[in-house]
Amino acid sequence: MTDWTWPDAQILRVVDGDTLDARVTRDLGFGGSATFVVRLRLGRVNAAKASSVEGKLSTAYLTGLVLTPGAPVALTTTGPYKYGGPKDSPGEWMAEIQVPGGNVSDLMVAAGRAVYWDGEGPRPGG
């Protein structure tokens, strides 16, 4: 799969420490565009379960990084999440998100709010 870049995405909601909902728009040419609301998972990392104390701290930290009303973020979707998405959605996508401070996945790990994970083997940090 080819990565897709969404330069002016807006984060709508943080679900937990590594999952969020965003509005992305793609220029279709000919003066038209398409807008989608998608469920995203941060690429390369895993955060603790939302119901745990650590999970609540991770969710709050991610919210502070990405949820500024009206402020766009640059994100790149890198492929579908291998476990799919919520029943009422077209799926869930892996994403790399850039904010002024850097890559969100790397910032989460640096702050101790997530751990690196390649998606293989037992899920760490959960």
C-alpha atoms as a PDB file:
ATOM      1  CA  MET A   1       0.000   0.000   0.000  1.00  0.00           C
ATOM      2  CA  THR A   2       1.136   3.517  -0.740  1.00  0.00           C
ATOM      3  CA  ASP A   3       1.232   5.986   2.115  1.00  0.00           C
ATOM      4  CA  TRP A   4      -1.291   8.829   1.850  1.00  0.00           C
ATOM      5  CA  THR A   5      -0.446  12.258   3.201  1.00  0.00           C
ATOM      6  CA  TRP A   6      -3.205  14.429   4.646  1.00  0.00           C
ATOM      7  CA  PRO A   7      -1.567  17.817   5.331  1.00  0.00           C
ATOM      8  CA  ASP A   8      -4.487  19.675   6.928  1.00  0.00           C
ATOM      9  CA  ALA A   9      -6.184  16.944   8.953  1.00  0.00           C
ATOM     10  CA  GLN A  10      -8.163  17.875  12.042  1.00  0.00           C
ATOM     11  CA  ILE A  11      -8.237  15.673  15.110  1.00  0.00           C
ATOM     12  CA  LEU A  12     -11.839  15.373  16.272  1.00  0.00           C
ATOM     13  CA  ARG A  13     -11.517  13.070  19.272  1.00  0.00           C
ATOM     14  CA  VAL A  14      -8.908  11.143  21.203  1.00  0.00           C
ATOM     15  CA  VAL A  15     -10.263   7.655  21.960  1.00  0.00           C
ATOM     16  CA  ASP A  16      -7.336   6.427  24.071  1.00  0.00           C
ATOM     17  CA  GLY A  17      -3.559   6.737  24.266  1.00  0.00           C
ATOM     18  CA  ASP A  18      -2.940   5.409  20.757  1.00  0.00           C
ATOM     19  CA  THR A  19      -6.278   5.797  18.947  1.00  0.00           C
ATOM     20  CA  LEU A  20      -8.064   8.873  17.626  1.00  0.00           C
ATOM     21  CA  ASP A  21     -10.647  10.094  15.128  1.00  0.00           C
ATOM     22  CA  ALA A  22      -9.714  12.652  12.462  1.00  0.00           C
ATOM     23  CA  ARG A  23     -11.268  14.525   9.584  1.00  0.00           C
ATOM     24  CA  VAL A  24      -9.134  14.291   6.444  1.00  0.00           C
ATOM     25  CA  THR A  25      -9.664  15.977   3.089  1.00  0.00           C
ATOM     26  CA  ARG A  26      -8.311  15.001  -0.310  1.00  0.00           C
ATOM     27  CA  ASP A  27      -8.196  17.346  -3.304  1.00  0.00           C
ATOM     28  CA  LEU A  28      -9.765  15.432  -6.192  1.00  0.00           C
ATOM     29  CA  GLY A  29      -8.853  18.000  -8.813  1.00  0.00           C
ATOM     30  CA  PHE A  30     -11.292  19.826 -11.046  1.00  0.00           C
ATOM     31  CA  GLY A  31     -12.174  22.111  -8.124  1.00  0.00           C
ATOM     32  CA  GLY A  32     -13.524  19.288  -5.954  1.00  0.00           C
ATOM     33  CA  SER A  33     -12.486  17.539  -2.786  1.00  0.00           C
ATOM     34  CA  ALA A  34     -13.648  14.698  -0.566  1.00  0.00           C
ATOM     35  CA  THR A  35     -13.733  14.720   3.218  1.00  0.00           C
ATOM     36  CA  PHE A  36     -13.696  11.623   5.429  1.00  0.00           C
ATOM     37  CA  VAL A  37     -13.847  10.958   9.151  1.00  0.00           C
ATOM     38  CA  VAL A  38     -11.475   8.103   9.953  1.00  0.00           C
ATOM     39  CA  ARG A  39     -10.353   6.128  13.005  1.00  0.00           C
ATOM     40  CA  LEU A  40      -6.561   6.176  13.323  1.00  0.00           C
ATOM     41  CA  ARG A  41      -4.051   4.280  15.425  1.00  0.00           C
ATOM     42  CA  LEU A  42      -0.627   5.726  16.078  1.00  0.00           C
ATOM     43  CA  GLY A  43       1.990   3.877  14.104  1.00  0.00           C
ATOM     44  CA  ARG A  44       4.819   1.944  15.775  1.00  0.00           C
ATOM     45  CA  VAL A  45       3.535   2.301  19.363  1.00  0.00           C
ATOM     46  CA  ASN A  46       1.150   0.870  21.933  1.00  0.00           C
ATOM     47  CA  ALA A  47      -0.278   2.633  24.981  1.00  0.00           C
ATOM     48  CA  ALA A  48      -1.767   1.096  28.119  1.00  0.00           C
ATOM     49  CA  LYS A  49      -5.468   0.184  28.172  1.00  0.00           C
ATOM     50  CA  ALA A  50      -7.660   3.256  28.558  1.00  0.00           C
ATOM     51  CA  SER A  51      -9.275   1.894  31.732  1.00  0.00           C
ATOM     52  CA  SER A  52      -5.951   1.756  33.625  1.00  0.00           C
ATOM     53  CA  VAL A  53      -4.302   4.648  35.461  1.00  0.00           C
ATOM     54  CA  GLU A  54      -1.432   4.631  32.937  1.00  0.00           C
ATOM     55  CA  GLY A  55      -3.951   4.504  30.101  1.00  0.00           C
ATOM     56  CA  LYS A  56      -5.764   7.569  31.414  1.00  0.00           C
ATOM     57  CA  LEU A  57      -2.434   9.420  31.633  1.00  0.00           C
ATOM     58  CA  SER A  58      -1.564   8.369  28.061  1.00  0.00           C
ATOM     59  CA  THR A  59      -4.951   9.519  26.788  1.00  0.00           C
ATOM     60  CA  ALA A  60      -4.567  12.894  28.502  1.00  0.00           C
ATOM     61  CA  TYR A  61      -1.042  13.343  27.125  1.00  0.00           C
ATOM     62  CA  LEU A  62      -2.124  12.489  23.556  1.00  0.00           C
ATOM     63  CA  THR A  63      -5.062  14.871  23.879  1.00  0.00           C
ATOM     64  CA  GLY A  64      -2.683  17.662  24.837  1.00  0.00           C
ATOM     65  CA  LEU A  65      -0.473  16.931  21.835  1.00  0.00           C
ATOM     66  CA  VAL A  66      -3.094  16.791  19.099  1.00  0.00           C
ATOM     67  CA  LEU A  67      -6.433  18.231  20.174  1.00  0.00           C
ATOM     68  CA  THR A  68      -6.254  21.961  19.592  1.00  0.00           C
ATOM     69  CA  PRO A  69      -9.619  23.114  18.226  1.00  0.00           C
ATOM     70  CA  GLY A  70      -9.304  24.214  14.623  1.00  0.00           C
ATOM     71  CA  ALA A  71      -5.553  23.502  14.448  1.00  0.00           C
ATOM     72  CA  PRO A  72      -4.625  21.199  11.572  1.00  0.00           C
ATOM     73  CA  VAL A  73      -2.019  18.460  11.905  1.00  0.00           C
ATOM     74  CA  ALA A  74      -0.003  16.734   9.194  1.00  0.00           C
ATOM     75  CA  LEU A  75      -0.675  13.034   9.077  1.00  0.00           C
ATOM     76  CA  THR A  76       0.201  10.135   6.854  1.00  0.00           C
ATOM     77  CA  THR A  77      -1.835   6.946   6.755  1.00  0.00           C
ATOM     78  CA  THR A  78       0.484   3.982   6.279  1.00  0.00           C
ATOM     79  CA  GLY A  79      -1.932   1.071   5.949  1.00  0.00           C
ATOM     80  CA  PRO A  80      -4.991  -0.576   7.448  1.00  0.00           C
ATOM     81  CA  TYR A  81      -4.982  -1.646  11.096  1.00  0.00           C
ATOM     82  CA  LYS A  82      -4.723  -5.429  10.995  1.00  0.00           C
ATOM     83  CA  TYR A  83      -7.589  -5.935  13.448  1.00  0.00           C
ATOM     84  CA  GLY A  84     -10.046  -3.757  11.515  1.00  0.00           C
ATOM     85  CA  GLY A  85     -12.086  -1.060  13.169  1.00  0.00           C
ATOM     86  CA  PRO A  86     -15.368  -0.388  14.925  1.00  0.00           C
ATOM     87  CA  LYS A  87     -18.452  -2.117  13.502  1.00  0.00           C
ATOM     88  CA  ASP A  88     -19.927   1.165  12.242  1.00  0.00           C
ATOM     89  CA  SER A  89     -16.791   2.292  10.369  1.00  0.00           C
ATOM     90  CA  PRO A  90     -15.021   1.430   7.128  1.00  0.00           C
ATOM     91  CA  GLY A  91     -11.967   0.379   9.138  1.00  0.00           C
ATOM     92  CA  GLU A  92      -9.125   1.736  11.156  1.00  0.00           C
ATOM     93  CA  TRP A  93      -5.856   3.034   9.721  1.00  0.00           C
ATOM     94  CA  MET A  94      -2.306   3.217  11.001  1.00  0.00           C
ATOM     95  CA  ALA A  95      -0.942   6.762  10.956  1.00  0.00           C
ATOM     96  CA  GLU A  96       2.102   8.859  11.609  1.00  0.00           C
ATOM     97  CA  ILE A  97       1.147  12.309  12.901  1.00  0.00           C
ATOM     98  CA  GLN A  98       3.342  15.400  12.951  1.00  0.00           C
ATOM     99  CA  VAL A  99       2.795  18.302  15.348  1.00  0.00           C
ATOM    100  CA  PRO A 100       5.107  21.294  15.846  1.00  0.00           C
ATOM    101  CA  GLY A 101       7.046  19.357  18.537  1.00  0.00           C
ATOM    102  CA  GLY A 102       7.726  16.348  16.290  1.00  0.00           C
ATOM    103  CA  ASN A 103       6.280  12.927  15.515  1.00  0.00           C
ATOM    104  CA  VAL A 104       3.455  12.091  17.954  1.00  0.00           C
ATOM    105  CA  SER A 105       4.430   8.408  18.318  1.00  0.00           C
ATOM    106  CA  ASP A 106       7.985   9.357  19.242  1.00  0.00           C
ATOM    107  CA  LEU A 107       6.784  12.087  21.623  1.00  0.00           C
ATOM    108  CA  MET A 108       4.495   9.586  23.375  1.00  0.00           C
ATOM    109  CA  VAL A 109       7.404   7.173  23.905  1.00  0.00           C
ATOM    110  CA  ALA A 110       9.791   9.927  25.031  1.00  0.00           C
ATOM    111  CA  ALA A 111       7.226  11.012  27.651  1.00  0.00           C
ATOM    112  CA  GLY A 112       6.781   7.430  28.900  1.00  0.00           C
ATOM    113  CA  ARG A 113       3.146   7.337  27.725  1.00  0.00           C
ATOM    114  CA  ALA A 114       3.588   4.577  25.100  1.00  0.00           C
ATOM    115  CA  VAL A 115       6.108   1.921  24.095  1.00  0.00           C
ATOM    116  CA  TYR A 116       7.435   1.040  20.677  1.00  0.00           C
ATOM    117  CA  TRP A 117       5.758  -1.998  19.102  1.00  0.00           C
ATOM    118  CA  ASP A 118       5.848  -3.370  15.578  1.00  0.00           C
ATOM    119  CA  GLY A 119       2.478  -5.123  15.843  1.00  0.00           C
ATOM    120  CA  GLU A 120       4.006  -8.591  16.124  1.00  0.00           C
ATOM    121  CA  GLY A 121       3.888 -10.819  19.198  1.00  0.00           C
ATOM    122  CA  PRO A 122       2.270  -9.991  22.525  1.00  0.00           C
ATOM    123  CA  ARG A 123       1.125  -6.418  22.882  1.00  0.00           C
ATOM    124  CA  PRO A 124       3.502  -4.551  25.246  1.00  0.00           C
ATOM    125  CA  GLY A 125       2.586  -1.740  27.575  1.00  0.00           C
ATOM    126  CA  GLY A 126      -1.034  -2.815  27.791  1.00  0.00           C
END
